[in-house]
Amino acid sequence: MINKTQKGQGAVWVILIIAVIALIALWISKNPSLPTSKPVSENTDAIVSPSATVTNTPSKSLQEIEQSLKELNTDSQEIDKSLNDTQLDITQ
C-alpha cells in the first residue's frame, strides 16, 4: 500500500515541476525583461554629442598576408622547439 502511494507522489511531483516550468515560460514570454524599442524623446533641448570619427584600417595585399602567416608559422615552430615535452618521472 505504501509503495503505490509513493509511486503516485513521484508522478505528482513530476507534473507539478513541469507545470511550474510552463508557468514561468509563459510569464517570461508575456513580460520580456528588455524592451524591444526605446521611446523617442521629444525634448529639443537635449545636448548633442559630437559624432565619433571612423578610421579605416589599412588593407593588406595577399602577398603581405602570406608573408605574415609564414612569419607566424616560423615563430610558432621556434616556440614549439623550445618547449620541453619530455614526461616527468613522478616516482622519484
C-alpha atoms as a PDB file:
ATOM      1  CA  MET A   1       0.000   0.000   0.000  1.00  0.00           C
ATOM      2  CA  ILE A   2       2.777   2.430   0.894  1.00  0.00           C
ATOM      3  CA  ASN A   3       4.675   1.570  -2.302  1.00  0.00           C
ATOM      4  CA  LYS A   4       1.711   2.571  -4.519  1.00  0.00           C
ATOM      5  CA  THR A   5       1.334   5.864  -2.650  1.00  0.00           C
ATOM      6  CA  GLN A   6       4.996   6.699  -3.130  1.00  0.00           C
ATOM      7  CA  LYS A   7       4.818   5.979  -6.869  1.00  0.00           C
ATOM      8  CA  GLY A   8       1.808   8.274  -7.120  1.00  0.00           C
ATOM      9  CA  GLN A   9       3.646  11.011  -5.285  1.00  0.00           C
ATOM     10  CA  GLY A  10       6.508  10.816  -7.770  1.00  0.00           C
ATOM     11  CA  ALA A  11       4.152  11.285 -10.702  1.00  0.00           C
ATOM     12  CA  VAL A  12       2.502  14.239  -8.950  1.00  0.00           C
ATOM     13  CA  TRP A  13       5.894  15.872  -8.333  1.00  0.00           C
ATOM     14  CA  VAL A  14       6.903  15.453 -11.990  1.00  0.00           C
ATOM     15  CA  ILE A  15       3.630  17.003 -13.188  1.00  0.00           C
ATOM     16  CA  LEU A  16       3.973  19.828 -10.658  1.00  0.00           C
ATOM     17  CA  ILE A  17       7.535  20.630 -11.765  1.00  0.00           C
ATOM     18  CA  ILE A  18       6.531  20.643 -15.450  1.00  0.00           C
ATOM     19  CA  ALA A  19       3.574  22.925 -14.649  1.00  0.00           C
ATOM     20  CA  VAL A  20       5.805  25.382 -12.760  1.00  0.00           C
ATOM     21  CA  ILE A  21       8.302  25.479 -15.650  1.00  0.00           C
ATOM     22  CA  ALA A  22       5.454  26.071 -18.120  1.00  0.00           C
ATOM     23  CA  LEU A  23       4.072  28.920 -15.994  1.00  0.00           C
ATOM     24  CA  ILE A  24       7.497  30.558 -15.753  1.00  0.00           C
ATOM     25  CA  ALA A  25       7.991  30.265 -19.518  1.00  0.00           C
ATOM     26  CA  LEU A  26       4.549  31.777 -20.131  1.00  0.00           C
ATOM     27  CA  TRP A  27       5.244  34.623 -17.702  1.00  0.00           C
ATOM     28  CA  ILE A  28       8.601  35.400 -19.329  1.00  0.00           C
ATOM     29  CA  SER A  29       7.102  35.369 -22.818  1.00  0.00           C
ATOM     30  CA  LYS A  30       4.378  37.836 -21.795  1.00  0.00           C
ATOM     31  CA  ASN A  31       6.725  40.115 -19.814  1.00  0.00           C
ATOM     32  CA  PRO A  32      10.089  40.398 -21.610  1.00  0.00           C
ATOM     33  CA  SER A  33      12.779  41.835 -19.380  1.00  0.00           C
ATOM     34  CA  LEU A  34      14.296  44.029 -22.094  1.00  0.00           C
ATOM     35  CA  PRO A  35      12.058  46.299 -24.139  1.00  0.00           C
ATOM     36  CA  THR A  36      12.493  45.843 -27.871  1.00  0.00           C
ATOM     37  CA  SER A  37      12.262  49.545 -28.663  1.00  0.00           C
ATOM     38  CA  LYS A  38      13.035  52.678 -26.716  1.00  0.00           C
ATOM     39  CA  PRO A  39      10.534  55.512 -26.586  1.00  0.00           C
ATOM     40  CA  VAL A  40      11.607  58.539 -28.601  1.00  0.00           C
ATOM     41  CA  SER A  41      12.171  61.665 -26.581  1.00  0.00           C
ATOM     42  CA  GLU A  42      10.577  64.827 -27.934  1.00  0.00           C
ATOM     43  CA  ASN A  43      12.881  67.092 -25.940  1.00  0.00           C
ATOM     44  CA  THR A  44      14.560  69.515 -28.356  1.00  0.00           C
ATOM     45  CA  ASP A  45      16.873  70.978 -25.708  1.00  0.00           C
ATOM     46  CA  ALA A  46      18.930  67.802 -25.458  1.00  0.00           C
ATOM     47  CA  ILE A  47      22.707  68.114 -25.639  1.00  0.00           C
ATOM     48  CA  VAL A  48      24.029  66.805 -28.918  1.00  0.00           C
ATOM     49  CA  SER A  49      27.300  64.929 -28.594  1.00  0.00           C
ATOM     50  CA  PRO A  50      29.850  65.141 -31.396  1.00  0.00           C
ATOM     51  CA  SER A  51      29.807  62.237 -33.788  1.00  0.00           C
ATOM     52  CA  ALA A  52      32.528  59.657 -33.468  1.00  0.00           C
ATOM     53  CA  THR A  53      35.222  59.624 -36.094  1.00  0.00           C
ATOM     54  CA  VAL A  54      35.619  56.459 -38.092  1.00  0.00           C
ATOM     55  CA  THR A  55      39.067  55.432 -39.223  1.00  0.00           C
ATOM     56  CA  ASN A  56      39.538  52.760 -41.820  1.00  0.00           C
ATOM     57  CA  THR A  57      42.015  50.023 -41.085  1.00  0.00           C
ATOM     58  CA  PRO A  58      44.689  49.760 -43.720  1.00  0.00           C
ATOM     59  CA  SER A  59      44.189  46.801 -46.002  1.00  0.00           C
ATOM     60  CA  LYS A  60      46.960  44.367 -46.865  1.00  0.00           C
ATOM     61  CA  SER A  61      47.669  42.630 -50.084  1.00  0.00           C
ATOM     62  CA  LEU A  62      47.573  38.861 -50.345  1.00  0.00           C
ATOM     63  CA  GLN A  63      51.357  38.729 -50.523  1.00  0.00           C
ATOM     64  CA  GLU A  64      51.658  40.698 -47.265  1.00  0.00           C
ATOM     65  CA  ILE A  65      49.158  38.412 -45.581  1.00  0.00           C
ATOM     66  CA  GLU A  66      51.017  35.344 -46.832  1.00  0.00           C
ATOM     67  CA  GLN A  67      54.313  36.741 -45.541  1.00  0.00           C
ATOM     68  CA  SER A  68      52.740  37.456 -42.135  1.00  0.00           C
ATOM     69  CA  LEU A  69      51.384  33.906 -41.949  1.00  0.00           C
ATOM     70  CA  LYS A  70      54.791  32.474 -42.787  1.00  0.00           C
ATOM     71  CA  GLU A  71      56.388  34.581 -40.040  1.00  0.00           C
ATOM     72  CA  LEU A  72      53.797  33.391 -37.536  1.00  0.00           C
ATOM     73  CA  ASN A  73      54.401  29.803 -38.591  1.00  0.00           C
ATOM     74  CA  THR A  74      58.171  30.060 -38.118  1.00  0.00           C
ATOM     75  CA  ASP A  75      57.694  31.807 -34.766  1.00  0.00           C
ATOM     76  CA  SER A  76      55.360  29.071 -33.588  1.00  0.00           C
ATOM     77  CA  GLN A  77      57.800  26.392 -34.736  1.00  0.00           C
ATOM     78  CA  GLU A  78      60.592  28.070 -32.758  1.00  0.00           C
ATOM     79  CA  ILE A  79      58.384  28.180 -29.677  1.00  0.00           C
ATOM     80  CA  ASP A  80      57.452  24.527 -30.152  1.00  0.00           C
ATOM     81  CA  LYS A  81      61.117  23.531 -30.442  1.00  0.00           C
ATOM     82  CA  SER A  82      61.989  25.397 -27.263  1.00  0.00           C
ATOM     83  CA  LEU A  83      59.370  23.575 -25.204  1.00  0.00           C
ATOM     84  CA  ASN A  84      60.488  20.560 -23.218  1.00  0.00           C
ATOM     85  CA  ASP A  85      57.878  17.910 -23.966  1.00  0.00           C
ATOM     86  CA  THR A  86      59.524  15.065 -22.070  1.00  0.00           C
ATOM     87  CA  GLN A  87      57.405  13.326 -19.473  1.00  0.00           C
ATOM     88  CA  LEU A  88      58.363  13.864 -15.868  1.00  0.00           C
ATOM     89  CA  ASP A  89      59.087  10.834 -13.722  1.00  0.00           C
ATOM     90  CA  ILE A  90      56.871  11.331 -10.672  1.00  0.00           C
ATOM     91  CA  THR A  91      58.058   8.148  -8.951  1.00  0.00           C
ATOM     92  CA  GLN A  92      61.318   9.738  -7.834  1.00  0.00           C
END
